[in-house]
Amino acid sequence: MGNLRFAYAALACNHTCRSLSGPDPTCEVVDDPVEGCGCTSDSHLSNQQTCSPRSLCSCHHPGGVTPPGPVVIGGLLGLCGNFDGKVTNDLLTSISSEVFSVLDFGNSWKTAAPPCSDVTHEIFPCERHSYCAAWAQRRCMILRSDTFIDCHLKVDPEAYYQACVLESCSCEFEGKFLGFCTAVSAYAEACSAKDVCINWRTPDLCPVYCDYYNDVGQCTWHYNPCGQVKTCGTKNRFTGKLEGILPLSVPVPWFYCCTAVIYLYC
């Protein structure tokens, strides 16, 4: 506040840097001039409580950014570049050395406290294995195909397709099949929530085997793409539509009904 000046008739109206970017609320107050400290007529009070010329005042513009005046061109440093009009030399580190990697550039401007680990380039599975990416894209096209056409207008498949490709790119330990089936079933579940039931599984595409859960000669458990869990009692009723191996509406022992149904989902 060392550059403030005393005046016998000081006014606050339109004497701040903020007032240069819009209406000044202090001007709405009708008041007489008073004695006090303020800025001279050719300067304005900044956020740092110092008097600054117009060219050095911060700009406040809702919904947009106002470029600073020519006095600061070429005199900036940091994540926003140096504002010299050349985009080729904006990646200057905190020690003023030019780099070509945005990661090296960003890491150089980290604050010392609290300490942060360096940002590193993450190699996604699709980038690591190009053959996996081609396999994933071909397989995941089922989400955009006629198989799910009845659901496309109710649930946009694009986000699910992108997730499917990423999940399916993991080729180690047959992870591509697990990721693919999980991603497609997630979209089918979203469709079911919108009252569109898609029976997309086949013996060759993410099959579900029900016979494992049936005893010899029994035909109780059946796969249902949009079934509802049936419980024996009135407590803990399930109302949501679920994909899984569910029992038919036939009498079964209470313990078998009220435990197996809960856990045997696909």
Protein backbone atom coordinates (compact mmCIF):
# COMPACT_ATOMS: atom_id res chain seq x y z
CA MET A 1 0.00 0.00 0.00
CA GLY A 2 3.06 2.26 -0.24
CA ASN A 3 1.95 3.99 -3.45
CA LEU A 4 -1.43 5.15 -2.16
CA ARG A 5 -1.96 8.89 -1.92
CA PHE A 6 -3.83 10.89 0.69
CA ALA A 7 -6.66 13.11 -0.52
CA TYR A 8 -9.20 15.32 1.21
CA ALA A 9 -11.95 14.27 -1.21
CA ALA A 10 -11.36 10.59 -2.00
CA LEU A 11 -13.90 8.58 -3.99
CA ALA A 12 -14.08 4.79 -4.47
CA CYS A 13 -16.29 4.84 -7.57
CA ASN A 14 -14.47 3.60 -10.71
CA HIS A 15 -11.09 3.66 -9.01
CA THR A 16 -10.40 -0.10 -8.88
CA CYS A 17 -9.01 -2.45 -11.52
CA ARG A 18 -12.23 -4.43 -11.30
CA SER A 19 -14.22 -1.38 -12.38
CA LEU A 20 -12.42 -1.43 -15.75
CA SER A 21 -14.14 -4.70 -16.67
CA GLY A 22 -17.70 -3.90 -15.70
CA PRO A 23 -20.05 -1.86 -13.53
CA ASP A 24 -18.62 -0.82 -10.16
CA PRO A 25 -21.03 -1.54 -7.26
CA THR A 26 -19.52 1.31 -5.24
CA CYS A 27 -20.90 3.77 -7.77
CA GLU A 28 -24.43 2.79 -6.79
CA VAL A 29 -23.90 4.25 -3.33
CA VAL A 30 -24.54 7.98 -3.19
CA ASP A 31 -22.04 9.41 -0.73
CA ASP A 32 -20.00 12.53 -0.20
CA PRO A 33 -16.23 12.53 -0.72
CA VAL A 34 -14.23 11.81 2.41
CA GLU A 35 -10.64 12.16 3.54
CA GLY A 36 -8.53 9.07 2.98
CA CYS A 37 -5.94 7.21 0.94
CA GLY A 38 -6.54 6.17 -2.64
CA CYS A 39 -5.07 6.03 -6.11
CA THR A 40 -4.37 8.96 -8.35
CA SER A 41 -6.57 9.67 -11.34
CA ASP A 42 -4.24 7.81 -13.72
CA SER A 43 -4.11 4.56 -11.69
CA HIS A 44 -6.47 1.98 -10.19
CA LEU A 45 -6.49 -0.11 -7.01
CA SER A 46 -5.53 -3.74 -7.74
CA ASN A 47 -6.36 -6.93 -5.83
CA GLN A 48 -2.98 -6.58 -4.10
CA GLN A 49 -4.10 -3.20 -2.72
CA THR A 50 -1.57 -1.30 -4.80
CA CYS A 51 -2.17 1.40 -7.38
CA SER A 52 -1.52 0.13 -10.91
CA PRO A 53 -1.78 1.69 -14.37
CA ARG A 54 -4.57 0.40 -16.59
CA SER A 55 -2.20 -1.76 -18.64
CA LEU A 56 -1.19 -3.81 -15.58
CA CYS A 57 -4.67 -4.35 -14.18
CA SER A 58 -6.07 -7.87 -14.21
CA CYS A 59 -8.99 -8.36 -16.56
CA HIS A 60 -12.32 -9.66 -15.26
CA HIS A 61 -14.58 -10.78 -18.07
CA PRO A 62 -17.31 -13.36 -17.33
CA GLY A 63 -17.46 -16.08 -19.97
CA GLY A 64 -14.22 -15.11 -21.69
CA VAL A 65 -10.58 -14.10 -21.38
CA THR A 66 -9.28 -10.65 -22.19
CA PRO A 67 -5.62 -10.67 -23.39
CA PRO A 68 -3.25 -8.52 -21.32
CA GLY A 69 -1.82 -5.33 -22.69
CA PRO A 70 1.36 -5.12 -24.82
CA VAL A 71 3.46 -4.29 -21.76
CA VAL A 72 3.50 -7.98 -20.70
CA ILE A 73 4.05 -9.54 -24.15
CA GLY A 74 7.07 -11.81 -23.93
CA GLY A 75 7.33 -11.29 -20.18
CA LEU A 76 5.34 -14.26 -18.91
CA LEU A 77 6.39 -17.71 -17.73
CA GLY A 78 4.46 -20.75 -16.63
CA LEU A 79 1.89 -23.23 -17.86
CA CYS A 80 0.25 -20.64 -20.11
CA GLY A 81 3.40 -19.95 -22.14
CA ASN A 82 5.34 -16.72 -22.54
CA PHE A 83 2.79 -14.74 -24.60
CA ASP A 84 5.21 -13.70 -27.31
CA GLY A 85 2.94 -14.74 -30.18
CA LYS A 86 5.03 -17.82 -31.05
CA VAL A 87 3.50 -21.16 -30.19
CA THR A 88 6.72 -23.05 -30.91
CA ASN A 89 8.57 -21.84 -27.81
CA ASP A 90 5.85 -22.00 -25.17
CA LEU A 91 7.20 -25.16 -23.54
CA LEU A 92 9.72 -23.40 -21.32
CA THR A 93 10.47 -25.09 -18.00
CA SER A 94 10.80 -23.35 -14.67
CA ILE A 95 14.56 -22.97 -15.34
CA SER A 96 13.87 -21.42 -18.78
CA SER A 97 15.01 -24.43 -20.80
CA GLU A 98 12.93 -25.38 -23.83
CA VAL A 99 11.56 -28.93 -23.97
CA PHE A 100 9.41 -30.77 -26.49
CA SER A 101 7.46 -33.03 -24.14
CA VAL A 102 4.36 -31.63 -22.47
CA LEU A 103 4.96 -34.05 -19.58
CA ASP A 104 8.47 -32.68 -18.96
CA PHE A 105 7.08 -29.17 -19.26
CA GLY A 106 4.30 -29.78 -16.74
CA ASN A 107 6.53 -31.65 -14.29
CA SER A 108 8.98 -28.74 -14.18
CA TRP A 109 6.29 -26.41 -12.85
CA LYS A 110 5.20 -28.58 -9.95
CA THR A 111 5.14 -26.92 -6.56
CA ALA A 112 7.74 -28.07 -4.06
CA ALA A 113 5.23 -28.45 -1.24
CA PRO A 114 3.34 -30.65 -1.01
CA PRO A 115 5.57 -32.93 -3.10
CA CYS A 116 3.91 -34.55 -6.11
CA SER A 117 5.15 -37.47 -8.17
CA ASP A 118 6.04 -36.85 -11.80
CA VAL A 119 3.41 -37.42 -14.45
CA THR A 120 4.45 -40.26 -16.73
CA HIS A 121 3.23 -41.38 -20.11
CA GLU A 122 0.80 -44.21 -19.66
CA ILE A 123 0.78 -46.84 -22.37
CA PHE A 124 -2.69 -48.26 -22.72
CA PRO A 125 -3.19 -51.89 -23.75
CA CYS A 126 -4.55 -50.84 -27.15
CA GLU A 127 -1.32 -48.92 -27.81
CA ARG A 128 0.87 -51.74 -26.56
CA HIS A 129 -0.70 -54.43 -28.76
CA SER A 130 -1.97 -53.22 -32.13
CA TYR A 131 -3.33 -56.65 -32.99
CA CYS A 132 -5.42 -56.57 -29.81
CA ALA A 133 -6.88 -53.19 -30.80
CA ALA A 134 -8.03 -54.55 -34.16
CA TRP A 135 -9.59 -57.59 -32.47
CA ALA A 136 -11.33 -55.41 -29.88
CA GLN A 137 -12.75 -52.96 -32.40
CA ARG A 138 -14.11 -55.77 -34.53
CA ARG A 139 -15.70 -57.57 -31.59
CA CYS A 140 -17.15 -54.48 -29.92
CA MET A 141 -18.96 -53.45 -33.10
CA ILE A 142 -21.79 -55.65 -31.83
CA LEU A 143 -22.83 -52.68 -29.68
CA ARG A 144 -23.36 -50.59 -32.82
CA SER A 145 -24.91 -53.43 -34.80
CA ASP A 146 -28.50 -54.48 -35.38
CA THR A 147 -28.28 -56.77 -32.35
CA PHE A 148 -28.82 -53.73 -30.12
CA ILE A 149 -30.66 -51.52 -32.63
CA ASP A 150 -33.82 -51.42 -30.50
CA CYS A 151 -31.83 -49.81 -27.70
CA HIS A 152 -29.77 -47.26 -29.62
CA LEU A 153 -32.34 -44.47 -29.36
CA LYS A 154 -32.79 -45.01 -25.62
CA VAL A 155 -29.17 -45.57 -24.58
CA ASP A 156 -26.29 -44.12 -26.62
CA PRO A 157 -23.88 -47.01 -27.25
CA GLU A 158 -20.83 -44.86 -28.02
CA ALA A 159 -19.48 -44.60 -24.47
CA TYR A 160 -20.01 -48.33 -23.99
CA TYR A 161 -18.25 -49.05 -27.28
CA GLN A 162 -15.19 -47.04 -26.24
CA ALA A 163 -15.13 -48.78 -22.86
CA CYS A 164 -15.51 -52.14 -24.58
CA VAL A 165 -12.48 -51.49 -26.79
CA LEU A 166 -10.34 -50.49 -23.83
CA GLU A 167 -11.46 -53.47 -21.75
CA SER A 168 -10.99 -55.89 -24.63
CA CYS A 169 -7.45 -54.76 -25.44
CA SER A 170 -6.02 -56.72 -22.53
CA CYS A 171 -4.70 -59.81 -24.28
CA GLU A 172 -2.79 -61.30 -21.36
CA PHE A 173 -4.36 -64.34 -19.72
CA GLU A 174 -7.35 -64.23 -22.06
CA GLY A 175 -8.41 -60.98 -20.44
CA LYS A 176 -9.82 -59.76 -23.73
CA PHE A 177 -12.74 -62.17 -23.49
CA LEU A 178 -13.53 -61.23 -19.90
CA GLY A 179 -13.34 -57.51 -20.64
CA PHE A 180 -15.40 -57.82 -23.81
CA CYS A 181 -18.19 -59.83 -22.21
CA THR A 182 -18.31 -57.53 -19.18
CA ALA A 183 -18.52 -54.39 -21.32
CA VAL A 184 -21.27 -55.74 -23.58
CA SER A 185 -23.28 -57.02 -20.63
CA ALA A 186 -23.04 -53.54 -19.06
CA TYR A 187 -24.71 -52.03 -22.12
CA ALA A 188 -27.33 -54.79 -22.13
CA GLU A 189 -28.06 -53.99 -18.49
CA ALA A 190 -28.48 -50.29 -19.31
CA CYS A 191 -30.90 -51.26 -22.09
CA SER A 192 -32.85 -53.49 -19.72
CA ALA A 193 -33.24 -50.56 -17.35
CA LYS A 194 -34.93 -48.71 -20.24
CA ASP A 195 -37.31 -51.66 -20.83
CA VAL A 196 -35.40 -52.95 -23.85
CA CYS A 197 -34.45 -56.59 -23.41
CA ILE A 198 -31.59 -57.78 -25.64
CA ASN A 199 -30.87 -61.51 -25.81
CA TRP A 200 -27.36 -61.13 -27.21
CA ARG A 201 -25.47 -64.13 -25.84
CA THR A 202 -24.96 -67.20 -28.03
CA PRO A 203 -23.09 -70.51 -27.55
CA ASP A 204 -20.14 -68.86 -29.34
CA LEU A 205 -20.43 -65.39 -27.82
CA CYS A 206 -20.02 -65.06 -24.04
CA PRO A 207 -22.13 -68.17 -23.35
CA VAL A 208 -23.76 -68.90 -20.01
CA TYR A 209 -24.08 -72.54 -18.99
CA CYS A 210 -27.07 -73.32 -16.81
CA ASP A 211 -26.81 -77.10 -16.59
CA TYR A 212 -24.03 -76.78 -14.03
CA TYR A 213 -26.54 -75.53 -11.47
CA ASN A 214 -29.16 -78.21 -12.13
CA ASP A 215 -29.01 -81.60 -10.47
CA VAL A 216 -29.24 -84.69 -12.64
CA GLY A 217 -32.71 -84.81 -14.14
CA GLN A 218 -33.54 -81.36 -12.76
CA CYS A 219 -34.59 -78.41 -14.95
CA THR A 220 -34.91 -75.56 -12.49
CA TRP A 221 -32.18 -73.09 -13.39
CA HIS A 222 -32.41 -71.27 -16.71
CA TYR A 223 -30.59 -68.30 -18.22
CA ASN A 224 -32.71 -65.18 -18.55
CA PRO A 225 -31.36 -61.97 -20.13
CA CYS A 226 -33.85 -59.78 -18.28
CA GLY A 227 -35.25 -61.83 -15.43
CA GLN A 228 -36.50 -60.89 -12.01
CA VAL A 229 -35.31 -62.55 -8.83
CA LYS A 230 -38.08 -64.50 -7.12
CA THR A 231 -37.80 -64.95 -3.35
CA CYS A 232 -39.73 -67.26 -1.06
CA GLY A 233 -40.66 -64.64 1.51
CA THR A 234 -41.86 -61.07 1.60
CA LYS A 235 -38.65 -59.54 2.92
CA ASN A 236 -35.94 -58.07 0.72
CA ARG A 237 -37.94 -58.18 -2.50
CA PHE A 238 -35.95 -57.62 -5.68
CA THR A 239 -37.71 -55.52 -8.29
CA GLY A 240 -34.88 -54.79 -10.72
CA LYS A 241 -34.36 -56.65 -13.97
CA LEU A 242 -31.32 -58.87 -13.78
CA GLU A 243 -29.36 -60.94 -16.22
CA GLY A 244 -28.45 -64.30 -14.81
CA ILE A 245 -29.28 -67.90 -14.08
CA LEU A 246 -32.64 -67.72 -12.38
CA PRO A 247 -35.10 -70.40 -11.24
CA LEU A 248 -38.43 -71.07 -12.84
CA SER A 249 -41.60 -70.53 -10.84
CA VAL A 250 -41.65 -74.04 -9.43
CA PRO A 251 -41.65 -75.20 -5.79
CA VAL A 252 -38.10 -75.60 -4.47
CA PRO A 253 -36.74 -75.96 -0.93
CA TRP A 254 -36.72 -72.68 1.02
CA PHE A 255 -32.97 -72.71 1.70
CA TYR A 256 -32.16 -73.41 -1.94
CA CYS A 257 -34.46 -70.66 -3.15
CA CYS A 258 -33.48 -67.95 -0.74
CA THR A 259 -29.71 -68.41 -1.00
CA ALA A 260 -28.86 -69.69 -4.45
CA VAL A 261 -30.96 -67.08 -6.23
CA ILE A 262 -29.07 -64.25 -4.60
CA TYR A 263 -25.59 -65.35 -5.55
CA LEU A 264 -25.86 -67.14 -8.86
CA TYR A 265 -25.77 -64.17 -11.21
CA CYS A 266 -23.76 -63.95 -14.40
